[in-house]
Amino acid sequence: MTDSPLVSVIIPAYNAAAYLDTALQSAVDQTMKNLEILVVDDGSRDSTPQLAKAWAQRDPRIRLIQQENAGASAARNHGLALARGRYVAFLDSDDLWEPGKLEAQLEVFQVGGIGLVHTGVQDINAQGAPCPPQERWLKVQGPAFETLLEANGICCSSVLIDTTLVPLSNPVFAVGRLCEDWLLWGQVAAHHDFGYVDRPLVRYRVHPGGISRNHKAMIDGELQCRLDLLALAQQVGTGGQVRTAKAALFRAYYYATKHALRGGQKAEAWAYWKRAIGTKSLSTKDLGRMVSVLTRFLVGYAPGP
């Protein structure tokens, strides 16, 4: 193994035997060879650790790291604590890369002053065939903070970060919630420009067992992330960025209210509704319109304080 790898690739893996070979092959096949690949086994109960160990025996750039099951965020943090490269890339165990991904991203970093470079994404199904996108992938480059206050849309497996500009002190990813990568992108964008490679160099796997399909958990993760991003905007952003973050938070609470009502969760919907009103993020006219809509949904249900 090279003493000083240029890039550290972190692959969190939990019960990933079905796809790990493909992910690892795509990392090994990168045209940029000066890298290390850290497979962090998150307490798998299938053959994931055995597969990773076999790969490590064939390629000294690969290391198997094992931990008790703690989730993808904890696994990524564990990998970050052991990473030695100047640049850090993340690859989910069911995704894969095109061979020139890292090389293309490193070329973008030559511009200077860029903290993060991401790429285009092609969604694939469980069998690996292209499928319609399930996410609205962003193509943002240059200043990106305000865009990320509005919405996430950067695939974790597409990201390469320069740790000389963006120190990744442990822990980086919030443990125990979803949308944890979104907050990190926002923290980077608050201080550094983004770069973008406009080619689909990542294949993002969509399948029924994917964690991204847990809708309720995604809503809760999004709301917490938006609260954190609002706090960040209040610390380092402009007045306009704070207003953008508040408006986006209001819309997220509104959506969460409707989702809870459709599921028959009226107490939860009422709590979301009150938080939405508390943001006071919109004009009086727009806020009145939103309150009117929500009131019609909630008529007949107004519990005590």
Protein backbone atom coordinates (compact mmCIF):
# COMPACT_ATOMS: atom_id res chain seq x y z
CA MET A 1 0.00 0.00 0.00
CA THR A 2 1.21 3.52 -0.80
CA ASP A 3 2.39 5.37 2.32
CA SER A 4 0.46 8.52 1.41
CA PRO A 5 -2.66 7.80 -0.64
CA LEU A 6 -4.02 10.82 -2.44
CA VAL A 7 -7.65 9.72 -2.03
CA SER A 8 -9.38 7.78 0.73
CA VAL A 9 -12.55 5.97 -0.35
CA ILE A 10 -14.95 5.16 2.50
CA ILE A 11 -17.53 2.41 1.96
CA PRO A 12 -20.00 1.81 4.84
CA ALA A 13 -21.39 -1.70 4.51
CA TYR A 14 -24.20 -3.44 6.35
CA ASN A 15 -25.46 -6.80 5.04
CA ALA A 16 -24.09 -5.69 1.69
CA ALA A 17 -23.04 -9.02 0.23
CA ALA A 18 -25.39 -8.72 -2.75
CA TYR A 19 -23.68 -5.59 -4.12
CA LEU A 20 -20.32 -5.15 -2.38
CA ASP A 21 -18.32 -6.93 -5.09
CA THR A 22 -19.65 -4.54 -7.73
CA ALA A 23 -18.96 -1.46 -5.60
CA LEU A 24 -15.43 -2.56 -4.80
CA GLN A 25 -14.68 -3.47 -8.39
CA SER A 26 -15.70 0.02 -9.47
CA ALA A 27 -13.35 1.56 -6.87
CA VAL A 28 -10.46 -0.70 -7.79
CA ASP A 29 -10.97 0.08 -11.50
CA GLN A 30 -10.46 3.82 -11.05
CA THR A 31 -7.94 5.28 -13.49
CA MET A 32 -6.51 7.24 -10.56
CA LYS A 33 -4.65 4.48 -8.69
CA ASN A 34 -3.19 6.35 -5.71
CA LEU A 35 -5.96 5.58 -3.27
CA GLU A 36 -6.95 3.56 -0.24
CA ILE A 37 -10.34 1.88 0.14
CA LEU A 38 -11.77 1.55 3.64
CA VAL A 39 -14.67 -0.90 3.92
CA VAL A 40 -16.36 -0.26 7.27
CA ASP A 41 -18.46 -3.31 8.13
CA ASP A 42 -21.30 -2.12 10.35
CA GLY A 43 -21.94 -5.37 12.22
CA SER A 44 -23.18 -7.31 9.18
CA ARG A 45 -24.85 -10.67 9.69
CA ASP A 46 -24.23 -11.91 6.17
CA SER A 47 -20.97 -12.58 4.32
CA THR A 48 -20.01 -8.91 3.94
CA PRO A 49 -16.87 -9.09 6.14
CA GLN A 50 -15.67 -12.27 4.46
CA LEU A 51 -16.07 -10.70 1.02
CA ALA A 52 -14.22 -7.55 2.07
CA LYS A 53 -11.43 -9.59 3.64
CA ALA A 54 -10.99 -11.57 0.42
CA TRP A 55 -10.71 -8.31 -1.54
CA ALA A 56 -8.14 -6.97 0.94
CA GLN A 57 -6.02 -10.08 0.45
CA ARG A 58 -5.97 -9.45 -3.31
CA ASP A 59 -5.44 -5.69 -3.21
CA PRO A 60 -3.34 -4.08 -0.44
CA ARG A 61 -5.11 -0.74 -0.96
CA ILE A 62 -8.25 -2.22 0.62
CA ARG A 63 -8.72 -2.37 4.39
CA LEU A 64 -11.55 -4.00 6.32
CA ILE A 65 -12.68 -2.14 9.43
CA GLN A 66 -15.29 -3.74 11.68
CA GLN A 67 -17.61 -2.24 14.28
CA GLU A 68 -20.78 -3.07 16.16
CA ASN A 69 -23.92 -2.11 14.27
CA ALA A 70 -24.37 1.66 14.67
CA GLY A 71 -25.64 2.86 11.28
CA ALA A 72 -24.15 4.31 8.11
CA SER A 73 -23.27 7.66 9.71
CA ALA A 74 -21.23 6.03 12.46
CA ALA A 75 -19.54 3.80 9.87
CA ARG A 76 -18.58 6.80 7.73
CA ASN A 77 -17.27 8.61 10.82
CA HIS A 78 -15.21 5.55 11.73
CA GLY A 79 -13.72 5.49 8.25
CA LEU A 80 -12.98 9.22 8.36
CA ALA A 81 -11.09 8.81 11.63
CA LEU A 82 -8.74 6.33 9.91
CA ALA A 83 -8.53 7.94 6.46
CA ARG A 84 -5.08 9.13 5.35
CA GLY A 85 -5.76 10.75 1.99
CA ARG A 86 -5.86 14.46 1.26
CA TYR A 87 -9.15 13.87 -0.56
CA VAL A 88 -12.04 11.82 0.80
CA ALA A 89 -14.71 10.12 -1.29
CA PHE A 90 -17.79 8.23 -0.14
CA LEU A 91 -19.19 5.20 -1.94
CA ASP A 92 -22.31 3.44 -0.66
CA SER A 93 -22.01 -0.33 -0.83
CA ASP A 94 -24.84 -0.70 -3.36
CA ASP A 95 -23.66 2.08 -5.69
CA LEU A 96 -20.81 2.07 -8.20
CA TRP A 97 -18.52 4.43 -10.08
CA GLU A 98 -17.44 4.85 -13.67
CA PRO A 99 -13.66 4.27 -14.02
CA GLY A 100 -12.71 7.92 -14.57
CA LYS A 101 -14.72 9.44 -11.74
CA LEU A 102 -11.95 10.35 -9.31
CA GLU A 103 -9.58 11.49 -12.04
CA ALA A 104 -12.20 13.85 -13.48
CA GLN A 105 -12.93 15.32 -10.05
CA LEU A 106 -9.28 15.87 -9.22
CA GLU A 107 -8.92 17.88 -12.43
CA VAL A 108 -11.69 20.24 -11.25
CA PHE A 109 -9.88 20.82 -7.95
CA GLN A 110 -6.95 22.31 -9.89
CA VAL A 111 -8.99 25.52 -10.27
CA GLY A 112 -8.31 26.24 -6.59
CA GLY A 113 -10.55 27.35 -3.73
CA ILE A 114 -12.98 24.46 -4.22
CA GLY A 115 -13.94 22.43 -1.16
CA LEU A 116 -16.15 19.77 -2.76
CA VAL A 117 -16.61 18.33 -6.26
CA HIS A 118 -19.63 16.19 -7.17
CA THR A 119 -20.72 14.56 -10.41
CA GLY A 120 -23.74 13.62 -12.45
CA VAL A 121 -25.69 10.54 -11.41
CA GLN A 122 -27.47 7.73 -13.25
CA ASP A 123 -30.13 5.91 -11.23
CA ILE A 124 -30.19 2.14 -11.63
CA ASN A 125 -32.55 -0.54 -10.36
CA ALA A 126 -31.73 -3.54 -8.20
CA GLN A 127 -30.54 -5.45 -11.27
CA GLY A 128 -28.23 -2.64 -12.39
CA ALA A 129 -30.32 -1.40 -15.34
CA PRO A 130 -30.86 2.38 -15.81
CA CYS A 131 -34.15 3.66 -14.41
CA PRO A 132 -35.88 7.05 -14.08
CA PRO A 133 -34.32 9.27 -11.39
CA GLN A 134 -35.86 9.00 -7.94
CA GLU A 135 -34.17 12.18 -6.73
CA ARG A 136 -33.76 15.66 -8.23
CA TRP A 137 -30.00 15.66 -8.60
CA LEU A 138 -28.42 19.10 -8.44
CA LYS A 139 -25.80 20.38 -10.86
CA VAL A 140 -24.75 23.26 -8.64
CA GLN A 141 -21.22 24.67 -8.87
CA GLY A 142 -19.55 27.78 -7.53
CA PRO A 143 -21.40 29.30 -4.55
CA ALA A 144 -23.84 26.61 -3.42
CA PHE A 145 -24.97 27.53 0.09
CA GLU A 146 -28.27 29.19 -0.80
CA THR A 147 -29.15 26.36 -3.18
CA LEU A 148 -28.60 23.81 -0.41
CA LEU A 149 -30.75 25.83 1.99
CA GLU A 150 -33.59 25.20 -0.46
CA ALA A 151 -33.05 21.49 -1.11
CA ASN A 152 -30.60 18.64 -1.08
CA GLY A 153 -29.82 16.88 -4.33
CA ILE A 154 -26.19 15.82 -4.08
CA CYS A 155 -25.58 12.09 -4.13
CA CYS A 156 -23.24 11.04 -1.32
CA SER A 157 -21.50 8.55 -3.62
CA SER A 158 -20.65 11.39 -6.03
CA VAL A 159 -18.76 13.58 -3.55
CA LEU A 160 -15.02 14.19 -3.28
CA ILE A 161 -13.83 16.58 -0.54
CA ASP A 162 -10.46 18.33 -0.12
CA THR A 163 -9.65 17.91 3.57
CA THR A 164 -6.96 20.63 3.47
CA LEU A 165 -9.80 23.14 3.00
CA VAL A 166 -12.53 21.21 4.82
CA PRO A 167 -11.18 19.54 7.98
CA LEU A 168 -13.38 16.51 8.64
CA SER A 169 -13.07 16.29 12.42
CA ASN A 170 -14.82 13.30 13.92
CA PRO A 171 -17.79 12.98 14.14
CA VAL A 172 -18.83 14.57 10.87
CA PHE A 173 -22.10 12.78 10.11
CA ALA A 174 -24.88 13.05 12.70
CA VAL A 175 -25.62 9.57 14.03
CA GLY A 176 -29.13 8.18 14.29
CA ARG A 177 -30.94 10.21 11.66
CA LEU A 178 -31.30 10.49 7.90
CA CYS A 179 -30.30 13.40 5.62
CA GLU A 180 -27.09 13.59 7.64
CA ASP A 181 -24.99 14.12 4.49
CA TRP A 182 -27.05 17.18 3.50
CA LEU A 183 -25.90 19.08 6.59
CA LEU A 184 -22.26 18.34 5.77
CA TRP A 185 -22.69 19.65 2.21
CA GLY A 186 -24.25 22.80 3.66
CA GLN A 187 -21.38 23.27 6.10
CA VAL A 188 -18.87 22.98 3.27
CA ALA A 189 -20.86 25.33 1.00
CA ALA A 190 -21.05 27.97 3.74
CA HIS A 191 -17.31 28.55 3.32
CA HIS A 192 -16.17 27.09 -0.02
CA ASP A 193 -17.25 26.86 -3.64
CA PHE A 194 -18.40 23.60 -5.21
CA GLY A 195 -17.16 22.01 -8.41
CA TYR A 196 -19.22 19.79 -10.69
CA VAL A 197 -18.46 17.21 -13.37
CA ASP A 198 -21.40 17.17 -15.76
CA ARG A 199 -21.21 13.49 -16.62
CA PRO A 200 -23.04 10.56 -14.97
CA LEU A 201 -20.01 9.04 -13.27
CA VAL A 202 -22.01 7.50 -10.40
CA ARG A 203 -24.63 4.79 -10.60
CA TYR A 204 -27.05 5.19 -7.71
CA ARG A 205 -29.00 2.04 -6.92
CA VAL A 206 -32.71 2.31 -6.18
CA HIS A 207 -34.39 -0.73 -4.66
CA PRO A 208 -37.28 -1.41 -2.24
CA GLY A 209 -34.94 -2.22 0.64
CA GLY A 210 -33.06 1.07 0.37
CA ILE A 211 -33.07 3.29 3.46
CA SER A 212 -34.06 6.27 1.30
CA ARG A 213 -37.50 4.69 0.86
CA ASN A 214 -38.34 5.05 4.60
CA HIS A 215 -40.56 8.08 4.05
CA LYS A 216 -41.36 9.01 7.67
CA ALA A 217 -37.71 8.77 8.70
CA MET A 218 -36.74 10.92 5.73
CA ILE A 219 -39.26 13.62 6.75
CA ASP A 220 -37.95 13.71 10.31
CA GLY A 221 -34.36 13.76 9.10
CA GLU A 222 -35.13 16.57 6.66
CA LEU A 223 -36.79 18.71 9.33
CA GLN A 224 -33.87 18.36 11.72
CA CYS A 225 -31.41 19.11 8.94
CA ARG A 226 -33.36 22.22 7.92
CA LEU A 227 -33.30 23.44 11.53
CA ASP A 228 -29.52 22.93 11.62
CA LEU A 229 -29.08 24.68 8.27
CA LEU A 230 -31.19 27.61 9.49
CA ALA A 231 -28.95 27.90 12.55
CA LEU A 232 -25.90 27.82 10.27
CA ALA A 233 -27.37 30.53 8.03
CA GLN A 234 -28.04 32.68 11.08
CA GLN A 235 -24.38 32.27 12.10
CA VAL A 236 -22.57 32.82 8.80
CA GLY A 237 -25.15 33.68 6.12
CA THR A 238 -26.74 36.84 4.77
CA GLY A 239 -30.18 38.11 5.68
CA GLY A 240 -31.46 36.77 2.37
CA GLN A 241 -30.06 33.32 3.10
CA VAL A 242 -31.73 33.30 6.51
CA ARG A 243 -35.04 34.16 4.86
CA THR A 244 -34.49 31.38 2.30
CA ALA A 245 -33.83 28.86 5.07
CA LYS A 246 -36.93 29.93 7.01
CA ALA A 247 -39.17 29.75 3.96
CA ALA A 248 -37.85 26.28 3.12
CA LEU A 249 -38.40 25.14 6.72
CA PHE A 250 -41.98 26.45 6.62
CA ARG A 251 -42.69 24.46 3.43
CA ALA A 252 -41.17 21.34 4.97
CA TYR A 253 -43.39 21.62 8.05
CA TYR A 254 -46.39 22.17 5.79
CA TYR A 255 -45.57 19.02 3.83
CA ALA A 256 -44.98 17.06 7.05
CA THR A 257 -48.40 18.22 8.33
CA LYS A 258 -50.18 16.96 5.23
CA HIS A 259 -48.27 13.67 5.31
CA ALA A 260 -49.19 13.10 8.97
CA LEU A 261 -52.86 13.88 8.32
CA ARG A 262 -53.02 11.47 5.40
CA GLY A 263 -51.65 8.79 7.71
CA GLY A 264 -54.23 9.57 10.40
CA GLN A 265 -51.62 11.00 12.79
CA LYS A 266 -53.58 14.06 13.90
CA ALA A 267 -51.59 14.84 17.05
CA GLU A 268 -48.37 14.75 15.04
CA ALA A 269 -49.95 16.92 12.34
CA TRP A 270 -51.01 19.49 14.93
CA ALA A 271 -47.47 19.65 16.30
CA TYR A 272 -46.04 20.23 12.82
CA TRP A 273 -48.69 22.88 12.11
CA LYS A 274 -47.79 24.88 15.21
CA ARG A 275 -44.09 24.73 14.33
CA ALA A 276 -44.85 25.88 10.79
CA ILE A 277 -46.70 28.93 12.06
CA GLY A 278 -43.83 29.63 14.46
CA THR A 279 -41.33 30.05 11.65
CA LYS A 280 -43.13 33.21 10.36
CA SER A 281 -41.06 32.81 7.20
CA LEU A 282 -43.51 34.10 4.59
CA SER A 283 -45.25 37.37 3.85
CA THR A 284 -48.45 38.08 5.76
CA LYS A 285 -50.54 37.35 2.67
CA ASP A 286 -48.83 34.05 1.88
CA LEU A 287 -48.78 33.00 5.51
CA GLY A 288 -52.52 33.71 5.79
CA ARG A 289 -53.18 31.57 2.72
CA MET A 290 -51.14 28.67 4.14
CA VAL A 291 -52.81 28.96 7.54
CA SER A 292 -56.23 28.86 5.86
CA VAL A 293 -55.34 25.65 4.01
CA LEU A 294 -53.95 24.00 7.12
CA THR A 295 -56.90 25.10 9.23
CA ARG A 296 -59.27 23.34 6.83
CA PHE A 297 -57.22 20.18 7.25
CA LEU A 298 -57.21 20.45 11.02
CA VAL A 299 -60.79 21.58 11.67
CA GLY A 300 -62.24 19.76 14.61
CA TYR A 301 -58.88 18.88 16.10
CA ALA A 302 -57.24 21.39 18.41
CA PRO A 303 -55.90 19.80 21.59
CA GLY A 304 -54.90 21.75 24.63
CA PRO A 305 -51.40 23.16 25.07
